């Protein structure tokens, strides 16, 4: 049996931080959306344009290392 390697890479994305289905997502200007995994929720940035640095897992999940206004 062959082990599969995790599909992950460093990423930097910009878009609007939104609350969605009791979770948080980044909605980009091109229409793409990414689910976000964050330890701390920056409530003051919800519905604001933000820049996110982190690790992308698969095609739609970002483990956030840093977030701030864009």
PDB file of N, CA and C in Angstrom:
ATOM      1  N   UNK A   1       0.841  -1.172   0.000  1.00  0.00           N
ATOM      2  CA  UNK A   1       0.000   0.000   0.000  1.00  0.00           C
ATOM      3  C   UNK A   1       0.886   1.235   0.000  1.00  0.00           C
ATOM      4  N   UNK A   2       0.582   2.165  -0.899  1.00  0.00           N
ATOM      5  CA  UNK A   2       1.383   3.368  -1.022  1.00  0.00           C
ATOM      6  C   UNK A   2       0.788   4.486  -0.181  1.00  0.00           C
ATOM      7  N   UNK A   3       1.669   5.194   0.559  1.00  0.00           N
ATOM      8  CA  UNK A   3       1.202   6.318   1.366  1.00  0.00           C
ATOM      9  C   UNK A   3       0.995   7.527   0.477  1.00  0.00           C
ATOM     10  N   UNK A   4      -0.099   8.248   0.692  1.00  0.00           N
ATOM     11  CA  UNK A   4      -0.312   9.475  -0.069  1.00  0.00           C
ATOM     12  C   UNK A   4       0.288  10.644   0.703  1.00  0.00           C
ATOM     13  N   UNK A   5       0.831  11.618  -0.017  1.00  0.00           N
ATOM     14  CA  UNK A   5       1.395  12.792   0.624  1.00  0.00           C
ATOM     15  C   UNK A   5       0.333  13.875   0.688  1.00  0.00           C
ATOM     16  N   UNK A   6       0.385  14.657   1.726  1.00  0.00           N
ATOM     17  CA  UNK A   6      -0.589  15.734   1.908  1.00  0.00           C
ATOM     18  C   UNK A   6      -0.372  16.795   0.837  1.00  0.00           C
ATOM     19  N   UNK A   7      -1.466  17.276   0.306  1.00  0.00           N
ATOM     20  CA  UNK A   7      -1.419  18.333  -0.697  1.00  0.00           C
ATOM     21  C   UNK A   7      -1.496  19.664   0.038  1.00  0.00           C
ATOM     22  N   UNK A   8      -0.338  20.243   0.357  1.00  0.00           N
ATOM     23  CA  UNK A   8      -0.331  21.527   1.042  1.00  0.00           C
ATOM     24  C   UNK A   8       0.854  22.363   0.592  1.00  0.00           C
ATOM     25  N   UNK A   9       0.647  23.694   0.678  1.00  0.00           N
ATOM     26  CA  UNK A   9       1.681  24.626   0.258  1.00  0.00           C
ATOM     27  C   UNK A   9       1.441  25.982   0.931  1.00  0.00           C
ATOM     28  N   UNK A  10       2.490  26.770   1.049  1.00  0.00           N
ATOM     29  CA  UNK A  10       2.363  28.123   1.586  1.00  0.00           C
ATOM     30  C   UNK A  10       1.507  28.962   0.649  1.00  0.00           C
ATOM     31  N   UNK A  11       0.718  29.866   1.213  1.00  0.00           N
ATOM     32  CA  UNK A  11      -0.105  30.716   0.357  1.00  0.00           C
ATOM     33  C   UNK A  11      -0.317  32.079   0.992  1.00  0.00           C
ATOM     34  N   UNK A  12      -0.667  33.004   0.160  1.00  0.00           N
ATOM     35  CA  UNK A  12      -1.055  34.349   0.563  1.00  0.00           C
ATOM     36  C   UNK A  12      -2.265  34.708  -0.288  1.00  0.00           C
ATOM     37  N   UNK A  13      -3.386  35.012   0.353  1.00  0.00           N
ATOM     38  CA  UNK A  13      -4.620  35.338  -0.357  1.00  0.00           C
ATOM     39  C   UNK A  13      -5.201  36.619   0.209  1.00  0.00           C
ATOM     40  N   UNK A  14      -5.928  37.335  -0.646  1.00  0.00           N
ATOM     41  CA  UNK A  14      -6.629  38.534  -0.205  1.00  0.00           C
ATOM     42  C   UNK A  14      -8.088  38.418  -0.596  1.00  0.00           C
ATOM     43  N   UNK A  15      -8.961  38.942   0.277  1.00  0.00           N
ATOM     44  CA  UNK A  15     -10.388  38.906   0.006  1.00  0.00           C
ATOM     45  C   UNK A  15     -11.154  39.387   1.230  1.00  0.00           C
ATOM     46  N   UNK A  16     -12.450  39.147   1.239  1.00  0.00           N
ATOM     47  CA  UNK A  16     -13.320  39.572   2.332  1.00  0.00           C
ATOM     48  C   UNK A  16     -13.498  38.413   3.311  1.00  0.00           C
ATOM     49  N   UNK A  17     -13.266  38.694   4.603  1.00  0.00           N
ATOM     50  CA  UNK A  17     -13.468  37.692   5.655  1.00  0.00           C
ATOM     51  C   UNK A  17     -14.958  37.629   5.962  1.00  0.00           C
ATOM     52  N   UNK A  18     -15.558  36.454   5.800  1.00  0.00           N
ATOM     53  CA  UNK A  18     -17.000  36.309   6.021  1.00  0.00           C
ATOM     54  C   UNK A  18     -17.283  35.176   6.999  1.00  0.00           C
ATOM     55  N   UNK A  19     -18.381  35.343   7.759  1.00  0.00           N
ATOM     56  CA  UNK A  19     -18.896  34.272   8.611  1.00  0.00           C
ATOM     57  C   UNK A  19     -19.854  33.465   7.749  1.00  0.00           C
ATOM     58  N   UNK A  20     -19.684  32.144   7.744  1.00  0.00           N
ATOM     59  CA  UNK A  20     -20.469  31.290   6.846  1.00  0.00           C
ATOM     60  C   UNK A  20     -20.714  29.945   7.521  1.00  0.00           C
ATOM     61  N   UNK A  21     -21.987  29.596   7.720  1.00  0.00           N
ATOM     62  CA  UNK A  21     -22.352  28.305   8.311  1.00  0.00           C
ATOM     63  C   UNK A  21     -21.624  28.043   9.625  1.00  0.00           C
ATOM     64  N   UNK A  22     -21.589  29.025  10.504  1.00  0.00           N
ATOM     65  CA  UNK A  22     -20.920  28.928  11.810  1.00  0.00           C
ATOM     66  C   UNK A  22     -19.424  28.724  11.698  1.00  0.00           C
ATOM     67  N   UNK A  23     -18.856  29.026  10.537  1.00  0.00           N
ATOM     68  CA  UNK A  23     -17.412  28.947  10.308  1.00  0.00           C
ATOM     69  C   UNK A  23     -16.982  30.261   9.662  1.00  0.00           C
ATOM     70  N   UNK A  24     -15.739  30.309   9.233  1.00  0.00           N
ATOM     71  CA  UNK A  24     -15.239  31.511   8.583  1.00  0.00           C
ATOM     72  C   UNK A  24     -14.624  31.149   7.249  1.00  0.00           C
ATOM     73  N   UNK A  25     -14.776  32.077   6.305  1.00  0.00           N
ATOM     74  CA  UNK A  25     -14.280  31.843   4.955  1.00  0.00           C
ATOM     75  C   UNK A  25     -13.689  33.139   4.416  1.00  0.00           C
ATOM     76  N   UNK A  26     -12.869  32.999   3.396  1.00  0.00           N
ATOM     77  CA  UNK A  26     -12.322  34.124   2.665  1.00  0.00           C
ATOM     78  C   UNK A  26     -12.981  34.128   1.299  1.00  0.00           C
ATOM     79  N   UNK A  27     -13.672  35.215   0.986  1.00  0.00           N
ATOM     80  CA  UNK A  27     -14.327  35.352  -0.322  1.00  0.00           C
ATOM     81  C   UNK A  27     -13.474  36.298  -1.159  1.00  0.00           C
ATOM     82  N   UNK A  28     -12.854  35.757  -2.202  1.00  0.00           N
ATOM     83  CA  UNK A  28     -11.957  36.530  -3.056  1.00  0.00           C
ATOM     84  C   UNK A  28     -12.745  37.293  -4.121  1.00  0.00           C
ATOM     85  N   UNK A  29     -12.104  38.319  -4.675  1.00  0.00           N
ATOM     86  CA  UNK A  29     -12.742  39.150  -5.698  1.00  0.00           C
ATOM     87  C   UNK A  29     -13.123  38.362  -6.944  1.00  0.00           C
ATOM     88  N   UNK A  30     -12.389  37.284  -7.249  1.00  0.00           N
ATOM     89  CA  UNK A  30     -12.683  36.488  -8.447  1.00  0.00           C
ATOM     90  C   UNK A  30     -13.791  35.454  -8.206  1.00  0.00           C
ATOM     91  N   UNK A  31     -14.377  35.457  -6.985  1.00  0.00           N
ATOM     92  CA  UNK A  31     -15.476  34.543  -6.679  1.00  0.00           C
ATOM     93  C   UNK A  31     -15.066  33.285  -5.949  1.00  0.00           C
ATOM     94  N   UNK A  32     -13.775  32.992  -5.887  1.00  0.00           N
ATOM     95  CA  UNK A  32     -13.317  31.815  -5.145  1.00  0.00           C
ATOM     96  C   UNK A  32     -13.566  32.020  -3.654  1.00  0.00           C
ATOM     97  N   UNK A  33     -13.843  30.926  -2.951  1.00  0.00           N
ATOM     98  CA  UNK A  33     -13.994  30.957  -1.500  1.00  0.00           C
ATOM     99  C   UNK A  33     -13.120  29.880  -0.879  1.00  0.00           C
ATOM    100  N   UNK A  34     -12.518  30.214   0.248  1.00  0.00           N
ATOM    101  CA  UNK A  34     -11.666  29.287   0.974  1.00  0.00           C
ATOM    102  C   UNK A  34     -12.152  29.200   2.415  1.00  0.00           C
ATOM    103  N   UNK A  35     -12.298  27.992   2.934  1.00  0.00           N
ATOM    104  CA  UNK A  35     -12.597  27.794   4.350  1.00  0.00           C
ATOM    105  C   UNK A  35     -11.339  28.104   5.129  1.00  0.00           C
ATOM    106  N   UNK A  36     -11.497  28.691   6.307  1.00  0.00           N
ATOM    107  CA  UNK A  36     -10.354  29.100   7.112  1.00  0.00           C
ATOM    108  C   UNK A  36     -10.319  28.350   8.432  1.00  0.00           C
ATOM    109  N   UNK A  37      -9.136  27.899   8.793  1.00  0.00           N
ATOM    110  CA  UNK A  37      -8.886  27.290  10.098  1.00  0.00           C
ATOM    111  C   UNK A  37      -8.028  28.277  10.872  1.00  0.00           C
ATOM    112  N   UNK A  38      -8.599  28.838  11.964  1.00  0.00           N
ATOM    113  CA  UNK A  38      -7.902  29.864  12.742  1.00  0.00           C
ATOM    114  C   UNK A  38      -8.005  29.548  14.227  1.00  0.00           C
ATOM    115  N   UNK A  39      -6.923  29.820  14.963  1.00  0.00           N
ATOM    116  CA  UNK A  39      -6.951  29.650  16.415  1.00  0.00           C
ATOM    117  C   UNK A  39      -7.722  30.787  17.078  1.00  0.00           C
ATOM    118  N   UNK A  40      -7.482  31.994  16.616  1.00  0.00           N
ATOM    119  CA  UNK A  40      -8.173  33.165  17.171  1.00  0.00           C
ATOM    120  C   UNK A  40      -9.009  33.799  16.060  1.00  0.00           C
ATOM    121  N   UNK A  41     -10.208  34.227  16.415  1.00  0.00           N
ATOM    122  CA  UNK A  41     -11.110  34.826  15.441  1.00  0.00           C
ATOM    123  C   UNK A  41     -11.018  36.346  15.559  1.00  0.00           C
ATOM    124  N   UNK A  42     -10.572  37.015  14.507  1.00  0.00           N
ATOM    125  CA  UNK A  42     -10.475  38.477  14.545  1.00  0.00           C
ATOM    126  C   UNK A  42     -11.837  39.112  14.208  1.00  0.00           C
ATOM    127  N   UNK A  43     -12.713  39.176  15.203  1.00  0.00           N
ATOM    128  CA  UNK A  43     -14.081  39.656  14.988  1.00  0.00           C
ATOM    129  C   UNK A  43     -14.121  41.057  14.383  1.00  0.00           C
ATOM    130  N   UNK A  44     -13.129  41.882  14.700  1.00  0.00           N
ATOM    131  CA  UNK A  44     -13.101  43.241  14.162  1.00  0.00           C
ATOM    132  C   UNK A  44     -12.818  43.277  12.659  1.00  0.00           C
ATOM    133  N   UNK A  45     -12.401  42.152  12.069  1.00  0.00           N
ATOM    134  CA  UNK A  45     -12.104  42.107  10.635  1.00  0.00           C
ATOM    135  C   UNK A  45     -13.202  41.426   9.804  1.00  0.00           C
ATOM    136  N   UNK A  46     -14.254  40.935  10.459  1.00  0.00           N
ATOM    137  CA  UNK A  46     -15.336  40.277   9.718  1.00  0.00           C
ATOM    138  C   UNK A  46     -15.991  41.301   8.801  1.00  0.00           C
ATOM    139  N   UNK A  47     -16.242  40.886   7.578  1.00  0.00           N
ATOM    140  CA  UNK A  47     -16.798  41.718   6.502  1.00  0.00           C
ATOM    141  C   UNK A  47     -15.839  42.808   6.046  1.00  0.00           C
ATOM    142  N   UNK A  48     -14.557  42.636   6.340  1.00  0.00           N
ATOM    143  CA  UNK A  48     -13.525  43.570   5.887  1.00  0.00           C
ATOM    144  C   UNK A  48     -12.629  42.880   4.863  1.00  0.00           C
ATOM    145  N   UNK A  49     -11.943  43.679   4.056  1.00  0.00           N
ATOM    146  CA  UNK A  49     -10.978  43.148   3.095  1.00  0.00           C
ATOM    147  C   UNK A  49      -9.694  42.849   3.859  1.00  0.00           C
ATOM    148  N   UNK A  50      -9.206  41.606   3.786  1.00  0.00           N
ATOM    149  CA  UNK A  50      -8.053  41.170   4.575  1.00  0.00           C
ATOM    150  C   UNK A  50      -7.018  40.461   3.697  1.00  0.00           C
ATOM    151  N   UNK A  51      -5.833  40.345   4.255  1.00  0.00           N
ATOM    152  CA  UNK A  51      -4.762  39.542   3.655  1.00  0.00           C
ATOM    153  C   UNK A  51      -4.500  38.397   4.616  1.00  0.00           C
ATOM    154  N   UNK A  52      -4.427  37.187   4.049  1.00  0.00           N
ATOM    155  CA  UNK A  52      -4.208  35.989   4.859  1.00  0.00           C
ATOM    156  C   UNK A  52      -2.938  35.291   4.393  1.00  0.00           C
ATOM    157  N   UNK A  53      -2.089  34.956   5.346  1.00  0.00           N
ATOM    158  CA  UNK A  53      -0.909  34.132   5.090  1.00  0.00           C
ATOM    159  C   UNK A  53      -1.113  32.821   5.825  1.00  0.00           C
ATOM    160  N   UNK A  54      -0.757  31.725   5.180  1.00  0.00           N
ATOM    161  CA  UNK A  54      -0.927  30.435   5.827  1.00  0.00           C
ATOM    162  C   UNK A  54      -0.534  29.286   4.939  1.00  0.00           C
ATOM    163  N   UNK A  55      -1.134  28.138   5.204  1.00  0.00           N
ATOM    164  CA  UNK A  55      -0.853  26.918   4.446  1.00  0.00           C
ATOM    165  C   UNK A  55      -2.162  26.434   3.828  1.00  0.00           C
ATOM    166  N   UNK A  56      -2.140  26.253   2.515  1.00  0.00           N
ATOM    167  CA  UNK A  56      -3.303  25.769   1.772  1.00  0.00           C
ATOM    168  C   UNK A  56      -3.286  24.248   1.773  1.00  0.00           C
ATOM    169  N   UNK A  57      -4.405  23.656   2.200  1.00  0.00           N
ATOM    170  CA  UNK A  57      -4.582  22.209   2.172  1.00  0.00           C
ATOM    171  C   UNK A  57      -5.651  21.896   1.139  1.00  0.00           C
ATOM    172  N   UNK A  58      -5.306  21.088   0.171  1.00  0.00           N
ATOM    173  CA  UNK A  58      -6.248  20.789  -0.902  1.00  0.00           C
ATOM    174  C   UNK A  58      -6.520  22.040  -1.713  1.00  0.00           C
ATOM    175  N   UNK A  59      -7.781  22.212  -2.104  1.00  0.00           N
ATOM    176  CA  UNK A  59      -8.136  23.363  -2.940  1.00  0.00           C
ATOM    177  C   UNK A  59      -8.987  24.398  -2.224  1.00  0.00           C
ATOM    178  N   UNK A  60      -9.403  24.113  -0.973  1.00  0.00           N
ATOM    179  CA  UNK A  60     -10.346  25.045  -0.376  1.00  0.00           C
ATOM    180  C   UNK A  60     -10.179  25.285   1.124  1.00  0.00           C
ATOM    181  N   UNK A  61      -9.085  24.838   1.739  1.00  0.00           N
ATOM    182  CA  UNK A  61      -8.887  25.046   3.175  1.00  0.00           C
ATOM    183  C   UNK A  61      -7.539  25.713   3.413  1.00  0.00           C
ATOM    184  N   UNK A  62      -7.575  26.821   4.172  1.00  0.00           N
ATOM    185  CA  UNK A  62      -6.342  27.510   4.540  1.00  0.00           C
ATOM    186  C   UNK A  62      -6.197  27.470   6.065  1.00  0.00           C
ATOM    187  N   UNK A  63      -5.061  26.967   6.527  1.00  0.00           N
ATOM    188  CA  UNK A  63      -4.703  27.057   7.931  1.00  0.00           C
ATOM    189  C   UNK A  63      -3.994  28.394   8.094  1.00  0.00           C
ATOM    190  N   UNK A  64      -4.643  29.325   8.790  1.00  0.00           N
ATOM    191  CA  UNK A  64      -4.186  30.710   8.854  1.00  0.00           C
ATOM    192  C   UNK A  64      -3.047  30.874   9.850  1.00  0.00           C
ATOM    193  N   UNK A  65      -1.931  31.447   9.380  1.00  0.00           N
ATOM    194  CA  UNK A  65      -0.803  31.785  10.250  1.00  0.00           C
ATOM    195  C   UNK A  65      -0.855  33.253  10.622  1.00  0.00           C
ATOM    196  N   UNK A  66      -1.376  34.079   9.720  1.00  0.00           N
ATOM    197  CA  UNK A  66      -1.473  35.517   9.967  1.00  0.00           C
ATOM    198  C   UNK A  66      -2.610  36.126   9.176  1.00  0.00           C
ATOM    199  N   UNK A  67      -3.278  37.118   9.772  1.00  0.00           N
ATOM    200  CA  UNK A  67      -4.377  37.794   9.104  1.00  0.00           C
ATOM    201  C   UNK A  67      -4.354  39.264   9.520  1.00  0.00           C
ATOM    202  N   UNK A  68      -4.636  40.140   8.554  1.00  0.00           N
ATOM    203  CA  UNK A  68      -4.679  41.560   8.860  1.00  0.00           C
ATOM    204  C   UNK A  68      -5.387  42.311   7.749  1.00  0.00           C
ATOM    205  N   UNK A  69      -5.619  43.607   7.962  1.00  0.00           N
ATOM    206  CA  UNK A  69      -6.271  44.407   6.935  1.00  0.00           C
ATOM    207  C   UNK A  69      -5.440  44.425   5.658  1.00  0.00           C
ATOM    208  N   UNK A  70      -6.119  44.463   4.529  1.00  0.00           N
ATOM    209  CA  UNK A  70      -5.402  44.508   3.245  1.00  0.00           C
ATOM    210  C   UNK A  70      -5.224  45.940   2.801  1.00  0.00           C
TER     211      UNK A  70
END
